[in-house]
Amino acid sequence: MDEVGRIRAEALAAVQSAGSTAELRELRVRYLGKKSELSRLLGQIGRLPPDVRRTLGAAANEARAAIEAALAERERVLQEVELAARLEAERIDVTLPGTPVPRGHLHLLRQVWERIEDIFIGMGYEVAEGPEVETDWYNFEALNIPKGHPARDAQDSLFIEGEDVLLRTHTSNTQVRYMQQVAPRLPVRIIVPGRVFRRDTEDATHLSMFHQVEGLVVDRGISMGDLKGTLLEMARGLFGPDSRVRMRPSYFPFTEPSAEVDVSCPFCGGSGCRVCKETGWIEILGSGMVHPTVLRNGGYDPDEVTGFAFGMGIERVAMILYGVDDLRHFIAGDMRFVRQF
């Protein structure tokens, strides 16, 4: 009986001084487990006289019940304490600013692409699309580029099936396709932005895949004056209201007459600087009046209508606008470059 009383007193004291639920679990095993002193005493009761057995058994069961009750009560208290401590540790100050989440944005080329589209949509143009995998006829023949022309050189074009299917080398392939779809409707006013492909070695000024914007207008009485006025409006929309354009005679198989177009340098205003090589002008695109053969291939009578066409590189415009000095920056995927724009 003295042993039972000692175990009970020791267990109750240990339970009251326990500082965590983990410690309580250890005490439960120590005082109530199968190998505990109390269990050992209860295992020896069968060897005692009946009257002593009843008295000792009752005392041992009372001790067990008291220890169980003390463990349960102490566990409840400690769980409340631990919950309060955890809630305090995990407390969130909702008045603090949230963690900023970085947001993506359009690539610089896409920004310039959409800027060009907005300018021409504002002038009443339609945005058209054409296939990137094209036949030789639409890419060359229909545009008055005969067999043997340097543009057909295998070092320049990427052919897919023999000499008849290739990746388009310019967005001009959509000129005749679109005219065939809408002829004889007038007027025709479209721009065709998209990817084009060349067999070029990539360096600071060349890529094997880049982006162009083709423009086409067909109507009665269209002249070079209309072309220059359109390009002047585009230049002012891209480079500022004080921009000027000049046209220099050139040659393209699908236009006659043809002209290279320069825009006044947006960095020096035309006075001359390092960017424009002290000339005051920067070359931006090629243009001209649509060749009669191209009009016929598109389903229009060159004796009834005229038209103009122009084409420029989106990368070229972006380089001028933002001072980018290497075409490869646009495709490198370097986030230090991308995040600047």
Protein backbone atom coordinates (compact mmCIF):
# COMPACT_ATOMS: atom_id res chain seq x y z
CA MET A 1 0.00 0.00 0.00
CA ASP A 2 2.91 2.34 0.79
CA GLU A 3 4.36 1.62 -2.68
CA VAL A 4 1.03 2.42 -4.36
CA GLY A 5 0.80 5.68 -2.43
CA ARG A 6 4.37 6.61 -3.35
CA ILE A 7 3.80 5.91 -7.06
CA ARG A 8 0.56 7.92 -7.01
CA ALA A 9 2.13 10.95 -5.30
CA GLU A 10 5.20 10.87 -7.54
CA ALA A 11 3.10 10.57 -10.71
CA LEU A 12 0.72 13.41 -9.76
CA ALA A 13 3.65 15.70 -8.96
CA ALA A 14 5.37 14.87 -12.25
CA VAL A 15 2.17 15.49 -14.20
CA GLN A 16 1.65 18.91 -12.60
CA SER A 17 5.22 19.98 -13.42
CA ALA A 18 5.10 18.73 -17.04
CA GLY A 19 5.77 21.57 -19.50
CA SER A 20 4.56 20.04 -22.79
CA THR A 21 2.18 17.46 -24.21
CA ALA A 22 5.22 15.49 -25.41
CA GLU A 23 6.44 15.25 -21.84
CA LEU A 24 2.98 14.10 -20.75
CA ARG A 25 3.11 11.27 -23.27
CA GLU A 26 6.38 10.09 -21.71
CA LEU A 27 4.83 10.25 -18.20
CA ARG A 28 1.82 8.21 -19.35
CA VAL A 29 4.13 5.44 -20.51
CA ARG A 30 6.27 5.66 -17.34
CA TYR A 31 3.40 5.46 -14.80
CA LEU A 32 0.60 3.65 -16.70
CA GLY A 33 2.41 1.60 -19.33
CA LYS A 34 2.68 -2.19 -19.33
CA LYS A 35 6.17 -2.04 -17.79
CA SER A 36 5.35 0.61 -15.18
CA GLU A 37 5.72 0.02 -11.44
CA LEU A 38 1.95 0.21 -10.95
CA SER A 39 1.37 -2.47 -13.58
CA ARG A 40 4.05 -4.62 -11.95
CA LEU A 41 2.30 -4.35 -8.55
CA LEU A 42 -1.08 -5.21 -10.07
CA GLY A 43 0.51 -8.26 -11.66
CA GLN A 44 1.58 -9.54 -8.23
CA ILE A 45 -1.86 -9.15 -6.55
CA GLY A 46 -2.89 -12.71 -7.45
CA ARG A 47 -0.35 -14.13 -5.00
CA LEU A 48 -1.78 -12.24 -1.99
CA PRO A 49 -4.51 -13.39 0.46
CA PRO A 50 -8.07 -12.53 -0.71
CA ASP A 51 -8.73 -9.75 1.83
CA VAL A 52 -5.42 -8.01 1.12
CA ARG A 53 -5.91 -8.55 -2.62
CA ARG A 54 -9.19 -6.59 -2.57
CA THR A 55 -7.77 -3.70 -0.57
CA LEU A 56 -4.60 -3.40 -2.63
CA GLY A 57 -6.46 -3.79 -5.93
CA ALA A 58 -8.89 -1.02 -5.02
CA ALA A 59 -6.03 1.27 -3.99
CA ALA A 60 -4.08 0.55 -7.20
CA ASN A 61 -7.14 1.19 -9.41
CA GLU A 62 -7.84 4.44 -7.56
CA ALA A 63 -4.22 5.48 -8.12
CA ARG A 64 -4.49 4.64 -11.84
CA ALA A 65 -7.75 6.60 -12.14
CA ALA A 66 -6.24 9.61 -10.34
CA ILE A 67 -3.18 9.58 -12.60
CA GLU A 68 -5.39 9.27 -15.71
CA ALA A 69 -7.52 12.20 -14.60
CA ALA A 70 -4.44 14.32 -13.80
CA LEU A 71 -2.93 13.51 -17.21
CA ALA A 72 -6.15 14.45 -19.03
CA GLU A 73 -6.53 17.75 -17.16
CA ARG A 74 -2.88 18.72 -17.60
CA GLU A 75 -3.04 17.80 -21.29
CA ARG A 76 -6.05 20.08 -21.77
CA VAL A 77 -4.23 22.98 -20.13
CA LEU A 78 -1.03 22.43 -22.08
CA GLN A 79 -2.88 22.11 -25.41
CA GLU A 80 -4.49 25.50 -24.79
CA VAL A 81 -1.11 27.03 -23.94
CA GLU A 82 0.57 25.50 -26.99
CA LEU A 83 -2.28 26.58 -29.29
CA ALA A 84 -2.06 30.16 -28.00
CA ALA A 85 1.72 30.15 -28.53
CA ARG A 86 1.40 28.78 -32.06
CA LEU A 87 -1.29 31.29 -32.99
CA GLU A 88 0.88 34.11 -31.71
CA ALA A 89 3.87 32.84 -33.65
CA GLU A 90 1.80 32.46 -36.83
CA ARG A 91 -0.07 35.72 -36.41
CA ILE A 92 -0.33 37.76 -39.62
CA ASP A 93 -0.43 41.54 -39.58
CA VAL A 94 -3.03 42.20 -42.25
CA THR A 95 -2.09 45.89 -42.28
CA LEU A 96 1.34 45.12 -43.76
CA PRO A 97 1.71 45.45 -47.56
CA GLY A 98 1.54 42.18 -49.46
CA THR A 99 4.51 40.49 -51.05
CA PRO A 100 4.81 41.93 -54.57
CA VAL A 101 4.24 39.42 -57.37
CA PRO A 102 6.22 40.27 -60.52
CA ARG A 103 4.00 40.74 -63.58
CA GLY A 104 4.98 39.87 -67.10
CA HIS A 105 4.67 42.21 -70.05
CA LEU A 106 4.73 42.14 -73.82
CA HIS A 107 8.09 41.57 -75.48
CA LEU A 108 9.62 44.69 -77.02
CA LEU A 109 9.03 43.39 -80.55
CA ARG A 110 5.37 42.74 -79.79
CA GLN A 111 5.01 46.23 -78.36
CA VAL A 112 6.41 47.75 -81.57
CA TRP A 113 4.30 45.36 -83.67
CA GLU A 114 1.09 46.51 -81.97
CA ARG A 115 2.16 50.15 -82.13
CA ILE A 116 2.54 49.88 -85.92
CA GLU A 117 -0.82 48.12 -86.19
CA ASP A 118 -2.51 50.90 -84.19
CA ILE A 119 -1.10 53.58 -86.49
CA PHE A 120 -2.37 51.90 -89.65
CA ILE A 121 -5.71 50.83 -88.19
CA GLY A 122 -6.18 54.51 -87.38
CA MET A 123 -5.69 55.24 -91.10
CA GLY A 124 -8.34 52.70 -92.10
CA TYR A 125 -6.11 49.74 -92.85
CA GLU A 126 -7.04 46.11 -92.25
CA VAL A 127 -4.59 43.68 -90.61
CA ALA A 128 -4.22 40.60 -92.84
CA GLU A 129 -2.37 37.32 -92.39
CA GLY A 130 -0.63 34.95 -94.74
CA PRO A 131 0.98 31.50 -94.49
CA GLU A 132 4.55 31.17 -93.30
CA VAL A 133 5.03 28.03 -95.40
CA GLU A 134 4.53 29.25 -98.95
CA THR A 135 4.70 28.09 -102.56
CA ASP A 136 7.30 29.42 -104.94
CA TRP A 137 4.57 31.05 -107.02
CA TYR A 138 3.15 33.31 -104.31
CA ASN A 139 6.54 34.04 -102.77
CA PHE A 140 8.35 34.82 -106.05
CA GLU A 141 6.59 34.32 -109.39
CA ALA A 142 3.40 36.23 -108.56
CA LEU A 143 5.55 39.13 -107.32
CA ASN A 144 7.41 39.42 -110.64
CA ILE A 145 10.56 37.76 -109.29
CA PRO A 146 11.64 35.57 -112.24
CA LYS A 147 13.69 32.42 -112.23
CA GLY A 148 17.34 33.12 -111.67
CA HIS A 149 16.77 36.23 -109.55
CA PRO A 150 19.29 36.47 -106.67
CA ALA A 151 16.42 36.30 -104.14
CA ARG A 152 15.84 32.73 -105.25
CA ASP A 153 19.35 31.65 -104.39
CA ALA A 154 19.28 28.61 -102.09
CA GLN A 155 21.71 30.46 -99.81
CA ASP A 156 18.96 33.03 -99.15
CA SER A 157 15.75 30.97 -99.07
CA LEU A 158 14.84 27.99 -96.91
CA PHE A 159 13.17 25.41 -99.16
CA ILE A 160 11.14 22.59 -97.65
CA GLU A 161 10.09 20.46 -100.62
CA GLY A 162 12.30 20.69 -103.67
CA GLU A 163 12.15 24.14 -105.23
CA ASP A 164 8.41 24.69 -104.90
CA VAL A 165 7.69 24.96 -101.14
CA LEU A 166 9.66 27.20 -98.81
CA LEU A 167 9.47 29.31 -95.67
CA ARG A 168 8.39 32.74 -96.86
CA THR A 169 11.21 35.21 -97.26
CA HIS A 170 8.95 38.27 -96.87
CA THR A 171 5.36 39.10 -95.93
CA SER A 172 4.85 40.29 -99.53
CA ASN A 173 3.61 36.76 -100.24
CA THR A 174 0.21 37.90 -98.92
CA GLN A 175 -0.21 40.66 -101.54
CA VAL A 176 -1.45 38.48 -104.39
CA ARG A 177 -3.23 36.04 -102.06
CA TYR A 178 -5.30 38.82 -100.54
CA MET A 179 -6.07 40.52 -103.85
CA GLN A 180 -7.28 37.21 -105.30
CA GLN A 181 -9.65 36.80 -102.35
CA VAL A 182 -11.26 40.24 -102.60
CA ALA A 183 -10.95 41.24 -106.31
CA PRO A 184 -12.51 43.30 -107.81
CA ARG A 185 -13.38 45.05 -104.53
CA LEU A 186 -11.89 48.50 -104.01
CA PRO A 187 -10.18 49.98 -102.17
CA VAL A 188 -7.64 47.47 -100.84
CA ARG A 189 -5.82 48.74 -97.74
CA ILE A 190 -3.94 46.15 -95.68
CA ILE A 191 -0.85 45.64 -93.59
CA VAL A 192 0.60 42.17 -93.08
CA PRO A 193 2.82 41.78 -89.99
CA GLY A 194 4.49 38.44 -89.42
CA ARG A 195 7.57 36.27 -89.27
CA VAL A 196 9.84 35.73 -92.26
CA PHE A 197 12.81 33.44 -92.78
CA ARG A 198 16.17 33.71 -94.54
CA ARG A 199 19.20 31.48 -94.80
CA ASP A 200 21.43 33.98 -93.00
CA THR A 201 24.26 33.61 -90.50
CA GLU A 202 23.12 35.29 -87.31
CA ASP A 203 25.13 38.31 -86.23
CA ALA A 204 24.48 41.82 -84.93
CA THR A 205 22.58 42.80 -88.09
CA HIS A 206 21.22 39.49 -89.42
CA LEU A 207 18.84 36.79 -88.14
CA SER A 208 17.51 33.69 -89.84
CA MET A 209 14.02 34.48 -88.48
CA PHE A 210 12.78 38.03 -88.06
CA HIS A 211 9.62 40.12 -88.47
CA GLN A 212 8.29 42.35 -91.23
CA VAL A 213 5.27 44.51 -91.89
CA GLU A 214 4.01 44.61 -95.47
CA GLY A 215 1.64 47.35 -96.61
CA LEU A 216 -0.56 47.31 -99.72
CA VAL A 217 -3.02 49.83 -101.13
CA VAL A 218 -4.91 49.38 -104.41
CA ASP A 219 -7.48 51.84 -105.76
CA ARG A 220 -8.18 54.17 -108.65
CA GLY A 221 -5.82 57.12 -108.92
CA ILE A 222 -3.26 56.02 -106.33
CA SER A 223 0.06 57.86 -106.75
CA MET A 224 3.53 58.19 -105.24
CA GLY A 225 2.18 61.22 -103.39
CA ASP A 226 -0.27 58.96 -101.55
CA LEU A 227 2.59 56.63 -100.68
CA LYS A 228 4.77 59.44 -99.32
CA GLY A 229 1.88 60.92 -97.32
CA THR A 230 1.11 57.53 -95.77
CA LEU A 231 4.72 56.90 -94.82
CA LEU A 232 5.03 60.40 -93.37
CA GLU A 233 1.99 59.77 -91.17
CA MET A 234 3.49 56.44 -90.07
CA ALA A 235 6.88 58.04 -89.30
CA ARG A 236 5.27 60.74 -87.19
CA GLY A 237 3.27 58.14 -85.31
CA LEU A 238 6.40 56.10 -84.59
CA PHE A 239 9.15 58.66 -84.16
CA GLY A 240 7.38 61.89 -83.24
CA PRO A 241 5.36 64.70 -84.85
CA ASP A 242 8.43 66.48 -86.24
CA SER A 243 9.62 63.48 -88.26
CA ARG A 244 10.31 63.87 -91.96
CA VAL A 245 10.75 61.29 -94.71
CA ARG A 246 12.68 61.27 -97.94
CA MET A 247 12.50 58.83 -100.85
CA ARG A 248 15.50 57.67 -102.88
CA PRO A 249 15.18 55.82 -106.21
CA SER A 250 15.78 52.09 -105.90
CA TYR A 251 14.77 48.79 -107.52
CA PHE A 252 12.44 46.02 -106.41
CA PRO A 253 10.97 43.48 -108.86
CA PHE A 254 7.42 43.88 -107.53
CA THR A 255 7.25 47.71 -107.64
CA GLU A 256 7.82 50.24 -110.41
CA PRO A 257 8.96 52.89 -109.71
CA SER A 258 10.64 51.85 -106.44
CA ALA A 259 12.10 53.87 -103.61
CA GLU A 260 14.11 53.44 -100.43
CA VAL A 261 12.63 55.53 -97.62
CA ASP A 262 14.61 57.31 -94.93
CA VAL A 263 13.26 58.97 -91.80
CA SER A 264 14.83 61.96 -90.11
CA CYS A 265 16.97 60.80 -87.19
CA PRO A 266 14.78 60.86 -84.05
CA PHE A 267 17.85 61.29 -81.84
CA CYS A 268 19.30 64.46 -83.36
CA GLY A 269 16.27 65.78 -85.26
CA GLY A 270 18.19 65.58 -88.53
CA SER A 271 21.19 67.66 -87.48
CA GLY A 272 23.58 64.69 -87.54
CA CYS A 273 24.79 62.38 -84.78
CA ARG A 274 26.57 59.09 -84.15
CA VAL A 275 23.38 57.05 -84.64
CA CYS A 276 22.67 58.42 -88.13
CA LYS A 277 26.39 58.63 -88.98
CA GLU A 278 26.15 62.41 -89.16
CA THR A 279 23.75 62.27 -92.15
CA GLY A 280 20.58 63.23 -90.29
CA TRP A 281 18.68 60.32 -91.91
CA ILE A 282 18.08 56.66 -91.08
CA GLU A 283 16.98 54.12 -93.69
CA ILE A 284 13.77 52.43 -92.60
CA LEU A 285 11.96 50.65 -95.46
CA GLY A 286 11.53 49.90 -99.16
CA SER A 287 8.49 50.92 -101.16
CA GLY A 288 7.07 51.72 -104.58
CA MET A 289 4.11 51.57 -106.92
CA VAL A 290 2.75 48.03 -107.37
CA HIS A 291 4.07 46.49 -110.60
CA PRO A 292 1.36 45.91 -113.25
CA THR A 293 2.23 42.20 -113.35
CA VAL A 294 1.52 41.88 -109.63
CA LEU A 295 -1.84 43.64 -110.05
CA ARG A 296 -2.80 41.27 -112.89
CA ASN A 297 -1.80 38.22 -110.83
CA GLY A 298 -4.02 39.52 -108.04
CA GLY A 299 -7.04 39.87 -110.36
CA TYR A 300 -6.93 43.65 -110.97
CA ASP A 301 -6.59 45.51 -114.26
CA PRO A 302 -3.50 47.79 -114.13
CA ASP A 303 -5.18 50.03 -116.72
CA GLU A 304 -8.01 50.67 -114.27
CA VAL A 305 -6.28 50.77 -110.88
CA THR A 306 -2.91 51.53 -109.36
CA GLY A 307 -1.44 50.84 -105.97
CA PHE A 308 1.53 51.16 -103.71
CA ALA A 309 3.32 48.74 -101.42
CA PHE A 310 5.96 49.02 -98.73
CA GLY A 311 7.76 46.71 -96.33
CA MET A 312 9.83 47.25 -93.22
CA GLY A 313 11.43 45.20 -90.48
CA ILE A 314 9.89 45.40 -87.01
CA GLU A 315 13.30 44.74 -85.47
CA ARG A 316 14.68 47.67 -87.47
CA VAL A 317 12.05 50.01 -86.06
CA ALA A 318 12.62 48.73 -82.52
CA MET A 319 16.38 49.23 -82.84
CA ILE A 320 15.87 52.85 -83.93
CA LEU A 321 13.24 53.61 -81.28
CA TYR A 322 15.11 52.11 -78.33
CA GLY A 323 18.76 52.26 -79.34
CA VAL A 324 19.27 48.48 -79.52
CA ASP A 325 22.59 47.75 -81.21
CA ASP A 326 22.38 43.98 -81.76
CA LEU A 327 19.52 42.01 -83.32
CA ARG A 328 20.42 38.95 -81.26
CA HIS A 329 19.22 40.68 -78.09
CA PHE A 330 15.64 40.20 -79.30
CA ILE A 331 15.86 36.41 -79.34
CA ALA A 332 18.46 35.68 -76.62
CA GLY A 333 15.85 35.46 -73.83
CA ASP A 334 18.10 37.46 -71.48
CA MET A 335 15.73 38.82 -68.82
CA ARG A 336 18.09 41.73 -68.13
CA PHE A 337 17.31 42.94 -71.64
CA VAL A 338 13.61 42.05 -71.62
CA ARG A 339 12.88 43.82 -68.33
CA GLN A 340 14.16 47.14 -69.68
CA PHE A 341 11.11 47.46 -71.92
